[in-house]
Structure formats: C-alpha cells, structure tokens
Protein backbone atom coordinates (compact mmCIF):
# COMPACT_ATOMS: atom_id res chain seq x y z
CA UNK A 1 108.53 132.99 170.64
CA UNK A 2 111.04 132.63 167.82
CA UNK A 3 114.30 134.57 167.74
CA UNK A 4 113.58 137.83 165.86
CA UNK A 5 117.11 137.70 164.39
CA UNK A 6 116.10 134.81 162.14
CA UNK A 7 118.98 133.52 160.06
CA UNK A 8 119.40 131.51 156.92
CA UNK A 9 120.12 128.44 159.05
CA UNK A 10 116.47 128.46 160.15
CA UNK A 11 115.38 128.47 156.51
CA UNK A 12 117.73 125.57 155.83
CA UNK A 13 116.10 123.72 158.75
CA UNK A 14 112.73 124.38 157.13
CA UNK A 15 114.00 122.65 154.01
CA UNK A 16 115.52 119.74 155.92
CA UNK A 17 112.32 119.22 157.92
CA UNK A 18 110.45 118.75 154.65
CA UNK A 19 107.57 121.14 155.06
CA UNK A 20 105.62 118.90 152.71
CA UNK A 21 104.53 117.57 156.05
CA UNK A 22 104.64 113.78 156.08
CA UNK A 23 103.68 112.84 159.63
CA UNK A 24 104.36 109.25 160.62
CA UNK A 25 101.39 107.59 162.24
CA UNK A 26 101.52 103.95 163.24
CA UNK A 27 103.60 102.99 160.22
CA UNK A 28 101.44 105.01 157.84
CA UNK A 29 101.72 108.66 156.86
CA UNK A 30 99.59 111.72 157.18
CA UNK A 31 100.57 113.95 154.29
CA UNK A 32 99.95 117.69 154.39
CA UNK A 33 101.16 120.30 151.93
CA UNK A 34 99.54 123.39 150.36
CA UNK A 35 97.96 121.29 147.60
CA UNK A 36 96.92 117.97 149.14
CA UNK A 37 95.95 116.40 152.46
CA UNK A 38 95.65 112.69 153.15
CA UNK A 39 95.50 110.56 156.28
CA UNK A 40 95.56 106.83 156.90
CA UNK A 41 93.23 107.21 159.90
CA UNK A 42 89.44 107.46 159.82
CA UNK A 43 89.85 110.17 162.47
CA UNK A 44 91.88 112.25 160.04
CA UNK A 45 95.17 114.06 160.50
CA UNK A 46 96.96 113.77 163.85
CA UNK A 47 97.13 117.49 164.61
CA UNK A 48 99.29 117.14 167.72
CA UNK A 49 101.97 115.45 165.62
CA UNK A 50 101.52 118.08 162.92
CA UNK A 51 102.10 120.85 165.49
CA UNK A 52 105.32 119.17 166.57
CA UNK A 53 106.36 118.64 162.95
CA UNK A 54 105.69 122.24 161.92
CA UNK A 55 106.97 123.74 165.18
CA UNK A 56 103.87 125.84 165.90
CA UNK A 57 102.16 126.26 169.29
CA UNK A 58 98.95 124.58 170.39
CA UNK A 59 96.02 126.83 171.24
CA UNK A 60 95.32 125.96 174.86
CA UNK A 61 92.76 127.06 177.43
CA UNK A 62 95.04 129.85 178.66
CA UNK A 63 95.13 131.44 175.21
CA UNK A 64 91.36 131.12 174.76
CA UNK A 65 90.86 132.66 178.21
CA UNK A 66 93.14 135.50 177.23
CA UNK A 67 91.14 136.12 174.04
CA UNK A 68 87.99 136.40 176.17
CA UNK A 69 89.64 138.67 178.73
CA UNK A 70 91.10 141.00 176.10
CA UNK A 71 87.87 141.14 174.08
CA UNK A 72 85.42 141.10 176.97
CA UNK A 73 83.24 138.50 175.24
CA UNK A 74 83.15 134.73 174.60
CA UNK A 75 85.59 133.30 172.08
CA UNK A 76 84.19 132.18 168.74
CA UNK A 77 82.92 128.59 168.77
CA UNK A 78 85.51 127.64 166.13
CA UNK A 79 88.17 128.67 168.64
CA UNK A 80 86.50 127.14 171.71
CA UNK A 81 86.06 123.77 169.98
CA UNK A 82 89.61 123.46 168.73
CA UNK A 83 88.79 123.94 165.04
CA UNK A 84 91.41 126.67 165.16
CA UNK A 85 94.01 124.72 167.10
CA UNK A 86 97.49 126.06 166.41
CA UNK A 87 99.20 129.43 166.23
CA UNK A 88 102.37 131.43 165.87
CA UNK A 89 102.77 134.61 167.96
CA UNK A 90 99.05 135.23 168.62
CA UNK A 91 100.00 136.40 172.14
CA UNK A 92 101.95 139.22 170.48
CA UNK A 93 98.85 140.26 168.52
CA UNK A 94 96.82 140.37 171.74
CA UNK A 95 99.59 142.44 173.32
CA UNK A 96 99.31 144.93 170.45
CA UNK A 97 95.55 145.17 170.89
CA UNK A 98 95.91 145.81 174.62
CA UNK A 99 98.52 148.48 173.89
CA UNK A 100 96.21 150.04 171.27
CA UNK A 101 98.84 149.48 168.59
CA UNK A 102 97.82 148.60 165.03
CA UNK A 103 97.85 145.29 163.19
CA UNK A 104 95.94 143.96 160.20
CA UNK A 105 94.36 140.72 159.07
CA UNK A 106 95.35 138.80 155.95
CA UNK A 107 93.70 135.74 154.49
CA UNK A 108 93.11 134.45 151.00
CA UNK A 109 91.60 132.08 148.51
CA UNK A 110 92.90 130.24 145.47
CA UNK A 111 90.04 130.53 142.94
CA UNK A 112 90.14 127.13 141.24
CA UNK A 113 86.38 126.71 140.72
CA UNK A 114 83.33 128.89 140.24
CA UNK A 115 81.54 127.52 143.30
CA UNK A 116 83.12 127.52 146.74
CA UNK A 117 82.27 124.75 149.20
CA UNK A 118 81.61 124.74 152.93
CA UNK A 119 85.24 124.07 153.78
CA UNK A 120 86.24 127.30 152.04
CA UNK A 121 83.92 129.26 154.34
CA UNK A 122 85.67 128.33 157.60
CA UNK A 123 88.68 130.72 157.47
CA UNK A 124 86.44 133.53 156.22
CA UNK A 125 83.79 133.04 158.93
CA UNK A 126 86.50 133.19 161.58
CA UNK A 127 88.27 136.11 159.89
CA UNK A 128 85.03 138.10 159.85
CA UNK A 129 84.70 137.54 163.59
CA UNK A 130 88.28 138.71 164.10
CA UNK A 131 87.61 141.81 161.99
CA UNK A 132 84.45 142.59 163.98
CA UNK A 133 85.96 142.16 167.45
CA UNK A 134 89.34 143.81 166.79
CA UNK A 135 88.13 146.51 164.35
CA UNK A 136 91.17 146.25 162.06
CA UNK A 137 91.85 146.34 158.31
CA UNK A 138 91.66 143.13 156.31
CA UNK A 139 93.34 142.25 153.01
CA UNK A 140 92.08 139.20 151.09
CA UNK A 141 94.37 137.84 148.39
CA UNK A 142 92.87 135.96 145.45
CA UNK A 143 95.72 133.91 144.01
CA UNK A 144 94.38 133.60 140.47
CA UNK A 145 97.97 133.57 139.20
CA UNK A 146 98.69 130.48 141.30
CA UNK A 147 95.69 128.64 139.87
CA UNK A 148 96.74 129.58 136.34
CA UNK A 149 100.17 128.07 137.03
CA UNK A 150 98.94 124.91 138.77
CA UNK A 151 95.70 124.12 136.95
CA UNK A 152 94.56 123.69 133.37
CA UNK A 153 93.12 127.21 133.22
CA UNK A 154 93.61 130.11 130.87
CA UNK A 155 94.71 133.39 132.42
CA UNK A 156 91.33 134.92 131.58
CA UNK A 157 89.40 132.06 133.20
CA UNK A 158 91.50 132.22 136.36
CA UNK A 159 90.77 135.95 136.63
CA UNK A 160 87.04 135.36 136.03
CA UNK A 161 86.96 132.75 138.80
CA UNK A 162 88.57 135.28 141.14
CA UNK A 163 85.62 137.63 140.61
CA UNK A 164 83.10 134.83 141.15
CA UNK A 165 84.82 133.75 144.37
CA UNK A 166 84.98 137.38 145.51
CA UNK A 167 81.18 137.47 145.38
CA UNK A 168 80.97 134.52 147.77
CA UNK A 169 83.51 136.11 150.10
CA UNK A 170 81.70 139.46 150.11
CA UNK A 171 78.41 137.65 150.85
CA UNK A 172 79.87 136.49 154.18
CA UNK A 173 79.43 140.07 155.36
CA UNK A 174 82.79 141.82 155.38
CA UNK A 175 82.80 145.58 155.96
CA UNK A 176 83.68 147.40 152.73
CA UNK A 177 85.23 150.27 154.71
CA UNK A 178 87.69 147.87 156.36
CA UNK A 179 88.32 145.30 153.61
CA UNK A 180 90.43 145.24 150.45
CA UNK A 181 90.09 142.19 148.18
CA UNK A 182 92.59 141.88 145.36
CA UNK A 183 93.43 139.68 142.41
CA UNK A 184 97.15 139.00 142.04
CA UNK A 185 96.77 139.30 138.27
CA UNK A 186 95.39 142.83 138.64
CA UNK A 187 97.07 144.29 141.71
CA UNK A 188 100.72 143.38 141.25
CA UNK A 189 100.87 145.20 137.90
CA UNK A 190 99.67 148.46 139.42
CA UNK A 191 101.53 148.31 142.74
CA UNK A 192 105.29 148.96 142.58
CA UNK A 193 105.52 148.58 146.38
CA UNK A 194 104.07 145.07 146.28
CA UNK A 195 106.43 144.09 143.48
CA UNK A 196 109.42 145.55 145.33
CA UNK A 197 108.61 143.33 148.33
CA UNK A 198 108.30 140.30 146.05
CA UNK A 199 111.82 141.00 144.77
CA UNK A 200 113.21 141.43 148.28
CA UNK A 201 111.75 138.07 149.30
CA UNK A 202 112.92 136.31 146.15
CA UNK A 203 116.49 137.44 146.77
CA UNK A 204 116.45 135.84 150.25
CA UNK A 205 115.38 132.33 149.19
CA UNK A 206 117.51 130.13 146.95
CA UNK A 207 116.24 127.81 144.24
CA UNK A 208 117.31 124.77 146.26
CA UNK A 209 115.55 126.07 149.34
CA UNK A 210 112.22 126.69 147.60
CA UNK A 211 112.40 123.24 146.00
CA UNK A 212 113.05 121.68 149.38
CA UNK A 213 110.30 123.61 151.13
CA UNK A 214 107.55 123.08 148.56
CA UNK A 215 108.63 119.88 146.83
CA UNK A 216 108.99 121.42 143.38
CA UNK A 217 110.52 119.16 140.75
CA UNK A 218 112.69 119.75 137.71
CA UNK A 219 109.67 119.67 135.40
CA UNK A 220 107.72 122.38 137.29
CA UNK A 221 107.43 125.69 135.47
CA UNK A 222 109.46 128.61 136.78
CA UNK A 223 106.25 130.44 137.68
CA UNK A 224 105.63 127.96 140.50
CA UNK A 225 109.11 128.52 141.89
CA UNK A 226 108.62 132.28 142.12
CA UNK A 227 105.03 132.15 143.38
CA UNK A 228 105.72 131.75 147.16
CA UNK A 229 107.14 135.28 147.23
CA UNK A 230 103.77 136.62 146.03
CA UNK A 231 101.86 134.96 148.87
CA UNK A 232 104.53 136.12 151.32
CA UNK A 233 104.52 139.77 150.17
CA UNK A 234 100.92 140.21 151.29
CA UNK A 235 102.12 139.79 154.89
CA UNK A 236 103.80 143.19 154.87
CA UNK A 237 102.00 146.50 155.40
CA UNK A 238 104.31 148.30 152.95
CA UNK A 239 102.76 146.23 150.13
CA UNK A 240 99.61 148.34 150.59
CA UNK A 241 100.68 152.02 150.80
CA UNK A 242 97.15 153.19 150.04
CA UNK A 243 95.94 151.51 153.26
CA UNK A 244 98.88 151.98 155.63
CA UNK A 245 100.36 155.25 154.38
CA UNK A 246 103.71 153.70 153.55
CA UNK A 247 104.33 152.32 157.05
CA UNK A 248 106.53 149.22 157.12
CA UNK A 249 106.14 148.27 160.77
CA UNK A 250 102.50 147.11 161.05
CA UNK A 251 102.31 143.34 161.63
CA UNK A 252 99.57 141.04 160.44
CA UNK A 253 97.61 138.06 161.74
CA UNK A 254 96.86 135.36 159.18
CA UNK A 255 93.92 133.00 159.78
CA UNK A 256 94.36 130.02 157.46
CA UNK A 257 94.23 126.25 157.25
CA UNK A 258 97.47 124.68 158.45
CA UNK A 259 98.33 123.39 154.97
CA UNK A 260 99.28 127.00 154.09
CA UNK A 261 101.86 127.17 156.90
CA UNK A 262 104.90 126.38 154.69
CA UNK A 263 104.46 129.71 152.88
CA UNK A 264 104.49 131.63 156.12
CA UNK A 265 107.27 129.73 157.83
CA UNK A 266 109.35 130.86 154.88
CA UNK A 267 107.94 134.40 155.26
CA UNK A 268 108.71 134.50 158.98
CA UNK A 269 112.31 133.58 158.27
CA UNK A 270 112.71 136.23 155.58
CA UNK A 271 110.84 139.10 157.33
CA UNK A 272 113.50 140.24 159.85
CA UNK A 273 116.19 139.96 157.19
CA UNK A 274 114.41 142.62 155.10
CA UNK A 275 113.39 144.77 158.06
CA UNK A 276 109.74 143.74 158.46
CA UNK A 277 107.78 142.23 161.37
CA UNK A 278 107.02 138.52 161.24
CA UNK A 279 103.41 137.64 160.45
CA UNK A 280 101.47 135.88 163.20
CA UNK A 281 99.29 132.92 162.28
CA UNK A 282 96.26 131.09 163.60
CA UNK A 283 95.66 127.70 161.98
CA UNK A 284 92.46 125.79 161.38
CA UNK A 285 92.06 122.05 161.00
CA UNK A 286 90.72 120.66 157.73
CA UNK A 287 87.07 120.43 156.81
CA UNK A 288 86.69 116.72 156.02
CA UNK A 289 85.23 115.25 152.85
CA UNK A 290 81.77 113.70 153.12
CA UNK A 291 83.33 110.27 152.64
CA UNK A 292 85.52 110.64 155.75
CA UNK A 293 88.30 112.57 157.41
CA UNK A 294 91.14 110.88 155.54
CA UNK A 295 91.09 113.83 153.15
CA UNK A 296 89.69 117.35 152.96
CA UNK A 297 86.85 118.49 150.73
CA UNK A 298 87.80 118.97 147.09
CA UNK A 299 86.32 121.36 144.53
CA UNK A 300 87.14 118.83 141.81
CA UNK A 301 84.97 116.07 143.34
CA UNK A 302 81.34 117.21 143.65
CA UNK A 303 80.40 114.18 145.78
CA UNK A 304 83.02 115.06 148.41
CA UNK A 305 81.62 118.50 149.12
CA UNK A 306 78.59 120.60 149.93
CA UNK A 307 78.87 123.55 147.56
CA UNK A 308 77.44 126.99 148.19
CA UNK A 309 75.42 126.56 144.99
CA UNK A 310 73.80 123.27 146.07
CA UNK A 311 70.00 123.22 146.34
CA UNK A 312 68.22 121.99 149.46
CA UNK A 313 67.42 118.75 147.66
CA UNK A 314 71.04 118.22 146.64
CA UNK A 315 72.29 118.90 150.17
CA UNK A 316 69.86 116.34 151.55
CA UNK A 317 70.85 113.75 148.95
CA UNK A 318 74.58 114.25 149.43
CA UNK A 319 74.44 113.95 153.21
CA UNK A 320 72.14 110.95 153.23
CA UNK A 321 74.10 109.17 150.49
CA UNK A 322 77.74 110.08 151.14
CA UNK A 323 78.23 111.29 154.74
CA UNK A 324 80.40 108.69 156.47
CA UNK A 325 78.77 107.18 159.54
CA UNK A 326 80.35 106.44 162.88
CA UNK A 327 77.44 104.24 163.87
CA UNK A 328 77.22 100.48 164.32
CA UNK A 329 76.73 98.08 161.42
CA UNK A 330 73.25 97.22 162.73
CA UNK A 331 70.75 98.99 164.96
CA UNK A 332 71.33 96.39 167.66
CA UNK A 333 75.09 96.82 167.52
CA UNK A 334 74.74 100.60 167.55
CA UNK A 335 72.46 100.58 170.59
CA UNK A 336 74.87 98.27 172.40
CA UNK A 337 78.16 99.99 171.58
CA UNK A 338 77.08 103.50 170.56
CA UNK A 339 78.41 105.71 167.77
CA UNK A 340 81.89 107.14 167.26
CA UNK A 341 81.70 110.94 166.99
CA UNK A 342 85.39 111.15 166.10
CA UNK A 343 84.74 109.59 162.68
CA UNK A 344 81.06 110.43 162.09
CA UNK A 345 80.99 113.15 159.43
CA UNK A 346 77.55 114.50 160.36
CA UNK A 347 78.75 115.16 163.91
CA UNK A 348 82.06 116.59 162.67
CA UNK A 349 80.22 119.05 160.42
CA UNK A 350 78.00 120.08 163.33
CA UNK A 351 81.15 120.99 165.29
CA UNK A 352 81.78 123.61 162.59
CA UNK A 353 78.26 124.95 162.10
CA UNK A 354 76.04 124.21 165.14
CA UNK A 355 76.74 127.18 167.39
CA UNK A 356 74.79 125.92 170.44
CA UNK A 357 77.40 124.27 172.69
CA UNK A 358 74.85 122.57 174.93
CA UNK A 359 72.94 121.12 171.99
CA UNK A 360 76.12 119.80 170.42
CA UNK A 361 77.23 118.20 173.68
CA UNK A 362 73.83 116.54 174.15
CA UNK A 363 73.95 115.11 170.61
CA UNK A 364 77.43 113.74 171.29
CA UNK A 365 76.34 112.16 174.56
CA UNK A 366 73.21 110.56 173.08
CA UNK A 367 74.97 109.32 169.94
CA UNK A 368 77.91 107.91 171.87
CA UNK A 369 75.53 106.06 174.20
CA UNK A 370 73.63 104.55 171.25
CA UNK A 371 70.41 106.41 172.01
CA UNK A 372 70.58 108.39 168.78
CA UNK A 373 71.03 106.68 165.40
CA UNK A 374 73.08 107.97 162.45
CA UNK A 375 69.90 108.90 160.60
CA UNK A 376 69.03 111.41 163.32
CA UNK A 377 72.43 113.09 163.04
CA UNK A 378 72.10 113.32 159.26
CA UNK A 379 68.63 114.84 159.60
CA UNK A 380 69.92 117.34 162.15
CA UNK A 381 72.84 118.32 159.92
CA UNK A 382 70.56 118.78 156.91
CA UNK A 383 68.37 121.11 158.98
CA UNK A 384 71.46 123.21 159.79
CA UNK A 385 73.09 123.34 156.37
CA UNK A 386 70.03 123.95 154.18
CA UNK A 387 69.19 127.38 155.68
CA UNK A 388 72.90 128.28 155.95
CA UNK A 389 73.52 127.67 152.24
CA UNK A 390 70.17 129.19 151.20
CA UNK A 391 70.78 132.40 153.12
CA UNK A 392 74.29 132.64 151.66
CA UNK A 393 72.87 132.21 148.17
CA UNK A 394 70.41 135.06 148.76
CA UNK A 395 73.15 137.36 150.06
CA UNK A 396 75.36 136.51 147.09
CA UNK A 397 72.59 137.56 144.69
CA UNK A 398 72.84 141.06 146.16
CA UNK A 399 76.56 141.30 145.33
CA UNK A 400 76.67 143.16 142.01
CA UNK A 401 79.65 143.64 139.71
CA UNK A 402 79.82 147.21 140.99
CA UNK A 403 80.06 146.03 144.61
CA UNK A 404 82.89 143.68 143.63
CA UNK A 405 84.72 146.56 141.91
CA UNK A 406 84.40 148.68 145.05
CA UNK A 407 85.92 145.97 147.26
CA UNK A 408 88.71 145.34 144.73
CA UNK A 409 89.68 148.96 144.08
CA UNK A 410 93.00 149.90 145.74
CA UNK A 411 92.06 152.66 148.17
CA UNK A 412 92.39 154.05 151.65
CA UNK A 413 90.25 152.26 154.21
CA UNK A 414 88.60 153.87 157.24
CA UNK A 415 91.79 153.74 159.34
CA UNK A 416 94.42 156.46 159.72
CA UNK A 417 98.13 155.73 160.15
C-alpha cells in the first residue's frame, strides 16, 4: 500500500523512472506507453519486469482466492488465467465491498476508428463482470478530444466516432440504470464540477513533470500537455455530482490495459494533495496482433486485427493467413518437438475467449506434445470467434441513436448516496 500522504517527490520519481516504460530484456527493449507497445520477444512483453518497472503489485493466487471468497463465486476466467495480472489497491476495494461501503468503476475508450477490434473488448468484458458481481455504478469515458489532438481527425469526426464506439460498448450488455457513458467533447462543457477537478489536477503537475511522464516534446501541441488532467479527473466521484450527490470521498476501481497506467500513477500522486481518494487499478495484458505478440492489435492495420465488423469469411481468412504459428516447420518436426503455446497466436486468443478451462488445458497439452497441429488450433479459434463476433453484430444493430442518447445523458443512476 502506498503512503496516502503522497508528496511531490513521488511525482518526481515518476518522471525520473520514465513512465514511457522501456523495459530492458536481454539487451533489447520492451517499450510500453499509452500510445504504443513493442517487444523484441516472440512471447511479447515481459510483464514481471513491467510490474517491477511500474511499481504495481502482481495478482497472485491469494488475491484471486479473496475475490472468490468475497463474491461467493468463481473468479472470471480473465482473472484466473492471468490476463488481468497486476493491480494497485484492489485489496482496499474488496475491503470496501465487505464493509458495504460504496465505490464505482471507471474505464474508457479512445475512439480512433469506427470499428473496434477484439482487443478493445477485453477491458469492457471484464468491467461488465465487475459491474454485475459488485452491483456498482460505472462511468465510461470516451476520449474523443484526445483522438482529435493526436490523430488527423476533425473535431466533428472524433465526436462521431465516439458515438459509433458507444454502440459497440453498449452492445456488450451494460446496465443502463448503472452506467453513464460520456464524450469529453460534450460533458466537460456542461459540467463545472468536472472542469474544476481538471484545474485542481493541472495546478499540481508542472510542465516539466508532464513532459517527463508522457514523453511530450517541444513540438507537441499544448492540448496534449493538458490532456492527462482530463483522464485523471474521471477518477473522482465529485466530477459526477448527478450520480454521487456531490460526495467527494467515493473511490473508484479502474480496469484498463497496463499501458494506461502512467495516467493513473500521476492521478494517485495528485489525489491526496487535493483531498480525494486514490483510484485503485486492475491491469490487463495486451491482446496481441495476429502476426505475433511483439505488438498489440492496431486499428490502423486491418491485417493485425479481428474487427467487430468482420464477416465470418473475413475472420476465417485472417486467422488462416496471418495468425502466427508456434508449430514446427514441418509436420514431422512438429510431431517430434511439439508446438509452443507461448507464441502461438491461435492458442493465445483462446486464452481470452475460450471459457472452458478443461478444454483449454487439453488443447495446450495436445499441442505441446505434437498431437495437435497448428491447423487444428486455427480451426478451433475460428469456431469460437465467428459466433462471438456475429452475436455482437446482432446486438449492436439493436442499439439505436435514442439508446445511445439515454446512456450518454448526465443523470442520476439507480444508486442513492
């Protein structure tokens, strides 16, 4: 547990550590920041080294057991399998739940493309489970302002993409009585409380500090330099008076990929200095590109990703053509030495989406022994992803503009404070 009397020296350490996240690995670097992820290893990022670098805590068996004890049900497979692998202060959130004290969930999406891909689903699938089992409010931030600042997008196009992405998020099944989705471009202008928190945060972080934390250069626009305060402000209950009745003391839990951690390390330093609780975090690993785990899926490269708009035929073609194999160079070599599940993309994707633990373990055993060939794994993965994407597409068709407006209207949720 970090010292609740966080000081500026901790923020300076954050800068010195270089949260841009270069992790040395056998002479090469893993590189992790909020905008890019690369690894020199076919196995992908070394997450144990990343935990040490970022100073978070590993999710161990004791924590998973505690989840199950507190909830009275099995942990989600994404938690059991180490997809969500790191955290900050999750024990405190479980304490609050046991004490029947409130907290809320916060996650988000940067709407840079009209179609989301499978990797974008992971935090939302897990967040929905957290919402269901804890029965707490959820705020989902769509950072359309960020994408306007970072990408070659007009303001109007960034806002349109936020609406399109909101439809995909709603289709995952979030409860409208417990969920508020907002566009930064819309909400900040009508919420003085949110803007006040942005100003408080901005006053606590110097220009040199934000450059050191996020790697901004002299040619970056000033909008980028001020943006981290916007992502941080969502962590505080007082930013949403319509939901929390003006209370300032309700903490949040943020499920996110670990590349977003720099924002919230900064937030956790600032929070006690402005009288707010630190946000807790639970981090996921990256969903690898089809070509291998050296990088994560990218919306800008259609061959690296399975998109939620892909047809069954396109899913089949992409997996068969691009999914990196951990098998032997020949059938004979594969049968003799077996396959490597650590680098085989079809197996890695099944870890995310095949919920049957026994089936997954049997596939791993048979592939590692050489009994199963890569073609079988690809066929199995196709049979999992085609109905998953198809059913999502059908649910998305039911999300009308009116439904989106309801989710995105600032309002009281079903909870009383």
